[in-house]
Protein backbone atom coordinates (compact mmCIF):
# COMPACT_ATOMS: atom_id res chain seq x y z
CA UNK A 1 0.00 0.00 0.00
CA UNK A 2 1.38 3.40 -0.95
CA UNK A 3 1.28 6.25 1.51
CA UNK A 4 3.22 9.41 1.97
CA UNK A 5 6.97 8.77 2.07
CA UNK A 6 8.86 9.41 5.26
CA UNK A 7 12.32 10.62 4.33
CA UNK A 8 15.53 10.05 6.29
CA UNK A 9 15.41 13.67 7.48
CA UNK A 10 11.95 12.96 8.93
CA UNK A 11 13.26 9.86 10.72
CA UNK A 12 16.13 11.94 12.15
CA UNK A 13 13.69 14.68 13.24
CA UNK A 14 11.44 12.16 15.03
CA UNK A 15 14.44 10.71 16.86
CA UNK A 16 15.77 14.16 17.74
CA UNK A 17 12.42 15.30 19.14
CA UNK A 18 12.00 12.29 21.43
CA UNK A 19 15.64 11.65 22.32
CA UNK A 20 17.59 14.92 22.39
CA UNK A 21 20.05 13.39 24.90
CA UNK A 22 19.82 9.70 23.93
CA UNK A 23 17.97 7.14 26.02
CA UNK A 24 18.58 8.25 29.59
CA UNK A 25 16.74 5.26 31.11
CA UNK A 26 19.12 2.60 29.80
CA UNK A 27 22.12 4.87 30.42
CA UNK A 28 21.10 5.45 34.06
CA UNK A 29 20.54 1.72 34.60
CA UNK A 30 23.90 0.89 33.04
CA UNK A 31 22.33 -1.49 30.50
CA UNK A 32 22.68 0.61 27.34
CA UNK A 33 25.01 -1.88 25.63
CA UNK A 34 23.31 -5.05 26.93
CA UNK A 35 21.93 -7.21 24.11
CA UNK A 36 18.19 -7.45 23.78
CA UNK A 37 15.18 -8.27 21.64
CA UNK A 38 11.90 -6.42 21.17
CA UNK A 39 8.68 -7.21 19.36
CA UNK A 40 5.70 -5.01 18.58
CA UNK A 41 2.16 -6.44 18.66
CA UNK A 42 -1.27 -4.78 18.75
CA UNK A 43 -3.65 -5.08 21.70
CA UNK A 44 -6.64 -5.13 19.35
CA UNK A 45 -7.32 -6.08 15.71
CA UNK A 46 -6.24 -3.26 13.39
CA UNK A 47 -5.07 -2.12 10.00
CA UNK A 48 -1.28 -1.80 10.12
CA UNK A 49 0.43 1.52 9.46
CA UNK A 50 4.02 2.67 9.94
CA UNK A 51 5.78 -0.65 10.53
CA UNK A 52 8.36 0.01 7.84
CA UNK A 53 9.16 3.38 9.40
CA UNK A 54 9.31 1.85 12.89
CA UNK A 55 11.90 -0.63 11.59
CA UNK A 56 13.87 2.22 9.99
CA UNK A 57 13.89 4.11 13.30
CA UNK A 58 15.18 1.05 15.16
CA UNK A 59 17.86 0.48 12.53
CA UNK A 60 18.91 4.15 12.56
CA UNK A 61 19.47 3.78 16.32
CA UNK A 62 21.65 0.67 15.94
CA UNK A 63 19.28 -2.32 16.04
CA UNK A 64 18.58 -4.94 13.39
CA UNK A 65 14.85 -4.78 12.64
CA UNK A 66 12.40 -6.71 10.50
CA UNK A 67 8.80 -5.77 9.77
CA UNK A 68 6.66 -8.91 9.96
CA UNK A 69 3.75 -7.42 7.98
CA UNK A 70 3.34 -4.57 5.55
CA UNK A 71 1.43 -1.36 6.14
CA UNK A 72 -2.15 -1.81 4.97
CA UNK A 73 -2.45 -5.37 6.26
CA UNK A 74 -5.31 -6.30 8.54
CA UNK A 75 -4.05 -8.17 11.63
CA UNK A 76 -5.49 -9.78 14.73
CA UNK A 77 -4.78 -8.93 18.34
CA UNK A 78 -1.29 -10.10 19.30
CA UNK A 79 0.02 -10.45 15.72
CA UNK A 80 3.73 -9.76 15.27
CA UNK A 81 4.23 -6.39 13.59
CA UNK A 82 7.97 -5.72 13.96
CA UNK A 83 10.80 -7.49 15.73
CA UNK A 84 14.32 -6.27 16.40
CA UNK A 85 17.53 -7.21 18.16
CA UNK A 86 20.42 -5.09 19.32
CA UNK A 87 21.71 -3.03 22.23
CA UNK A 88 19.13 -2.21 24.91
CA UNK A 89 19.61 1.52 24.33
CA UNK A 90 18.72 1.20 20.63
CA UNK A 91 15.70 -0.99 21.36
CA UNK A 92 14.29 1.16 24.16
CA UNK A 93 14.92 4.40 22.31
CA UNK A 94 13.44 2.96 19.10
CA UNK A 95 10.33 1.81 20.95
CA UNK A 96 9.88 5.29 22.46
CA UNK A 97 10.07 6.99 19.06
CA UNK A 98 8.19 4.36 17.04
CA UNK A 99 5.16 4.31 19.34
CA UNK A 100 4.26 7.77 18.05
CA UNK A 101 3.71 6.28 14.59
C-alpha atoms as a PDB file:
ATOM      1  CA  UNK A   1       0.000   0.000   0.000  1.00  0.00           C
ATOM      2  CA  UNK A   2       1.384   3.395  -0.945  1.00  0.00           C
ATOM      3  CA  UNK A   3       1.279   6.251   1.513  1.00  0.00           C
ATOM      4  CA  UNK A   4       3.222   9.408   1.972  1.00  0.00           C
ATOM      5  CA  UNK A   5       6.967   8.767   2.068  1.00  0.00           C
ATOM      6  CA  UNK A   6       8.863   9.407   5.264  1.00  0.00           C
ATOM      7  CA  UNK A   7      12.322  10.621   4.332  1.00  0.00           C
ATOM      8  CA  UNK A   8      15.530  10.049   6.290  1.00  0.00           C
ATOM      9  CA  UNK A   9      15.413  13.666   7.483  1.00  0.00           C
ATOM     10  CA  UNK A  10      11.949  12.961   8.930  1.00  0.00           C
ATOM     11  CA  UNK A  11      13.263   9.865  10.718  1.00  0.00           C
ATOM     12  CA  UNK A  12      16.128  11.943  12.153  1.00  0.00           C
ATOM     13  CA  UNK A  13      13.689  14.675  13.236  1.00  0.00           C
ATOM     14  CA  UNK A  14      11.440  12.158  15.030  1.00  0.00           C
ATOM     15  CA  UNK A  15      14.440  10.711  16.860  1.00  0.00           C
ATOM     16  CA  UNK A  16      15.770  14.165  17.745  1.00  0.00           C
ATOM     17  CA  UNK A  17      12.416  15.299  19.138  1.00  0.00           C
ATOM     18  CA  UNK A  18      12.004  12.290  21.433  1.00  0.00           C
ATOM     19  CA  UNK A  19      15.643  11.649  22.318  1.00  0.00           C
ATOM     20  CA  UNK A  20      17.594  14.924  22.394  1.00  0.00           C
ATOM     21  CA  UNK A  21      20.048  13.389  24.905  1.00  0.00           C
ATOM     22  CA  UNK A  22      19.821   9.700  23.926  1.00  0.00           C
ATOM     23  CA  UNK A  23      17.972   7.143  26.023  1.00  0.00           C
ATOM     24  CA  UNK A  24      18.579   8.252  29.589  1.00  0.00           C
ATOM     25  CA  UNK A  25      16.738   5.262  31.107  1.00  0.00           C
ATOM     26  CA  UNK A  26      19.123   2.605  29.803  1.00  0.00           C
ATOM     27  CA  UNK A  27      22.123   4.869  30.421  1.00  0.00           C
ATOM     28  CA  UNK A  28      21.100   5.448  34.059  1.00  0.00           C
ATOM     29  CA  UNK A  29      20.537   1.723  34.595  1.00  0.00           C
ATOM     30  CA  UNK A  30      23.904   0.887  33.038  1.00  0.00           C
ATOM     31  CA  UNK A  31      22.333  -1.494  30.500  1.00  0.00           C
ATOM     32  CA  UNK A  32      22.685   0.609  27.335  1.00  0.00           C
ATOM     33  CA  UNK A  33      25.013  -1.881  25.635  1.00  0.00           C
ATOM     34  CA  UNK A  34      23.305  -5.049  26.929  1.00  0.00           C
ATOM     35  CA  UNK A  35      21.931  -7.214  24.105  1.00  0.00           C
ATOM     36  CA  UNK A  36      18.188  -7.454  23.784  1.00  0.00           C
ATOM     37  CA  UNK A  37      15.178  -8.265  21.639  1.00  0.00           C
ATOM     38  CA  UNK A  38      11.897  -6.421  21.165  1.00  0.00           C
ATOM     39  CA  UNK A  39       8.679  -7.205  19.356  1.00  0.00           C
ATOM     40  CA  UNK A  40       5.697  -5.005  18.577  1.00  0.00           C
ATOM     41  CA  UNK A  41       2.164  -6.442  18.660  1.00  0.00           C
ATOM     42  CA  UNK A  42      -1.272  -4.784  18.754  1.00  0.00           C
ATOM     43  CA  UNK A  43      -3.647  -5.079  21.700  1.00  0.00           C
ATOM     44  CA  UNK A  44      -6.645  -5.130  19.350  1.00  0.00           C
ATOM     45  CA  UNK A  45      -7.317  -6.078  15.711  1.00  0.00           C
ATOM     46  CA  UNK A  46      -6.240  -3.261  13.393  1.00  0.00           C
ATOM     47  CA  UNK A  47      -5.065  -2.116   9.997  1.00  0.00           C
ATOM     48  CA  UNK A  48      -1.281  -1.800  10.123  1.00  0.00           C
ATOM     49  CA  UNK A  49       0.427   1.517   9.456  1.00  0.00           C
ATOM     50  CA  UNK A  50       4.015   2.665   9.935  1.00  0.00           C
ATOM     51  CA  UNK A  51       5.780  -0.654  10.534  1.00  0.00           C
ATOM     52  CA  UNK A  52       8.359   0.014   7.838  1.00  0.00           C
ATOM     53  CA  UNK A  53       9.157   3.378   9.395  1.00  0.00           C
ATOM     54  CA  UNK A  54       9.313   1.852  12.889  1.00  0.00           C
ATOM     55  CA  UNK A  55      11.898  -0.631  11.585  1.00  0.00           C
ATOM     56  CA  UNK A  56      13.872   2.224   9.991  1.00  0.00           C
ATOM     57  CA  UNK A  57      13.891   4.106  13.302  1.00  0.00           C
ATOM     58  CA  UNK A  58      15.178   1.049  15.157  1.00  0.00           C
ATOM     59  CA  UNK A  59      17.863   0.485  12.534  1.00  0.00           C
ATOM     60  CA  UNK A  60      18.912   4.149  12.565  1.00  0.00           C
ATOM     61  CA  UNK A  61      19.465   3.781  16.324  1.00  0.00           C
ATOM     62  CA  UNK A  62      21.650   0.669  15.937  1.00  0.00           C
ATOM     63  CA  UNK A  63      19.283  -2.317  16.035  1.00  0.00           C
ATOM     64  CA  UNK A  64      18.581  -4.941  13.385  1.00  0.00           C
ATOM     65  CA  UNK A  65      14.854  -4.782  12.640  1.00  0.00           C
ATOM     66  CA  UNK A  66      12.403  -6.705  10.497  1.00  0.00           C
ATOM     67  CA  UNK A  67       8.799  -5.767   9.771  1.00  0.00           C
ATOM     68  CA  UNK A  68       6.659  -8.913   9.962  1.00  0.00           C
ATOM     69  CA  UNK A  69       3.752  -7.420   7.982  1.00  0.00           C
ATOM     70  CA  UNK A  70       3.341  -4.565   5.553  1.00  0.00           C
ATOM     71  CA  UNK A  71       1.429  -1.361   6.141  1.00  0.00           C
ATOM     72  CA  UNK A  72      -2.145  -1.807   4.969  1.00  0.00           C
ATOM     73  CA  UNK A  73      -2.447  -5.372   6.259  1.00  0.00           C
ATOM     74  CA  UNK A  74      -5.311  -6.299   8.544  1.00  0.00           C
ATOM     75  CA  UNK A  75      -4.047  -8.169  11.632  1.00  0.00           C
ATOM     76  CA  UNK A  76      -5.488  -9.784  14.733  1.00  0.00           C
ATOM     77  CA  UNK A  77      -4.776  -8.925  18.341  1.00  0.00           C
ATOM     78  CA  UNK A  78      -1.286 -10.097  19.295  1.00  0.00           C
ATOM     79  CA  UNK A  79       0.018 -10.455  15.721  1.00  0.00           C
ATOM     80  CA  UNK A  80       3.728  -9.765  15.272  1.00  0.00           C
ATOM     81  CA  UNK A  81       4.231  -6.387  13.593  1.00  0.00           C
ATOM     82  CA  UNK A  82       7.974  -5.715  13.962  1.00  0.00           C
ATOM     83  CA  UNK A  83      10.796  -7.486  15.730  1.00  0.00           C
ATOM     84  CA  UNK A  84      14.321  -6.272  16.399  1.00  0.00           C
ATOM     85  CA  UNK A  85      17.534  -7.215  18.157  1.00  0.00           C
ATOM     86  CA  UNK A  86      20.417  -5.089  19.318  1.00  0.00           C
ATOM     87  CA  UNK A  87      21.708  -3.026  22.230  1.00  0.00           C
ATOM     88  CA  UNK A  88      19.127  -2.215  24.910  1.00  0.00           C
ATOM     89  CA  UNK A  89      19.611   1.519  24.332  1.00  0.00           C
ATOM     90  CA  UNK A  90      18.725   1.205  20.626  1.00  0.00           C
ATOM     91  CA  UNK A  91      15.698  -0.986  21.360  1.00  0.00           C
ATOM     92  CA  UNK A  92      14.286   1.159  24.164  1.00  0.00           C
ATOM     93  CA  UNK A  93      14.916   4.404  22.306  1.00  0.00           C
ATOM     94  CA  UNK A  94      13.440   2.955  19.101  1.00  0.00           C
ATOM     95  CA  UNK A  95      10.330   1.811  20.950  1.00  0.00           C
ATOM     96  CA  UNK A  96       9.881   5.288  22.463  1.00  0.00           C
ATOM     97  CA  UNK A  97      10.070   6.987  19.065  1.00  0.00           C
ATOM     98  CA  UNK A  98       8.194   4.362  17.037  1.00  0.00           C
ATOM     99  CA  UNK A  99       5.164   4.314  19.341  1.00  0.00           C
ATOM    100  CA  UNK A 100       4.256   7.767  18.054  1.00  0.00           C
ATOM    101  CA  UNK A 101       3.709   6.283  14.591  1.00  0.00           C
END
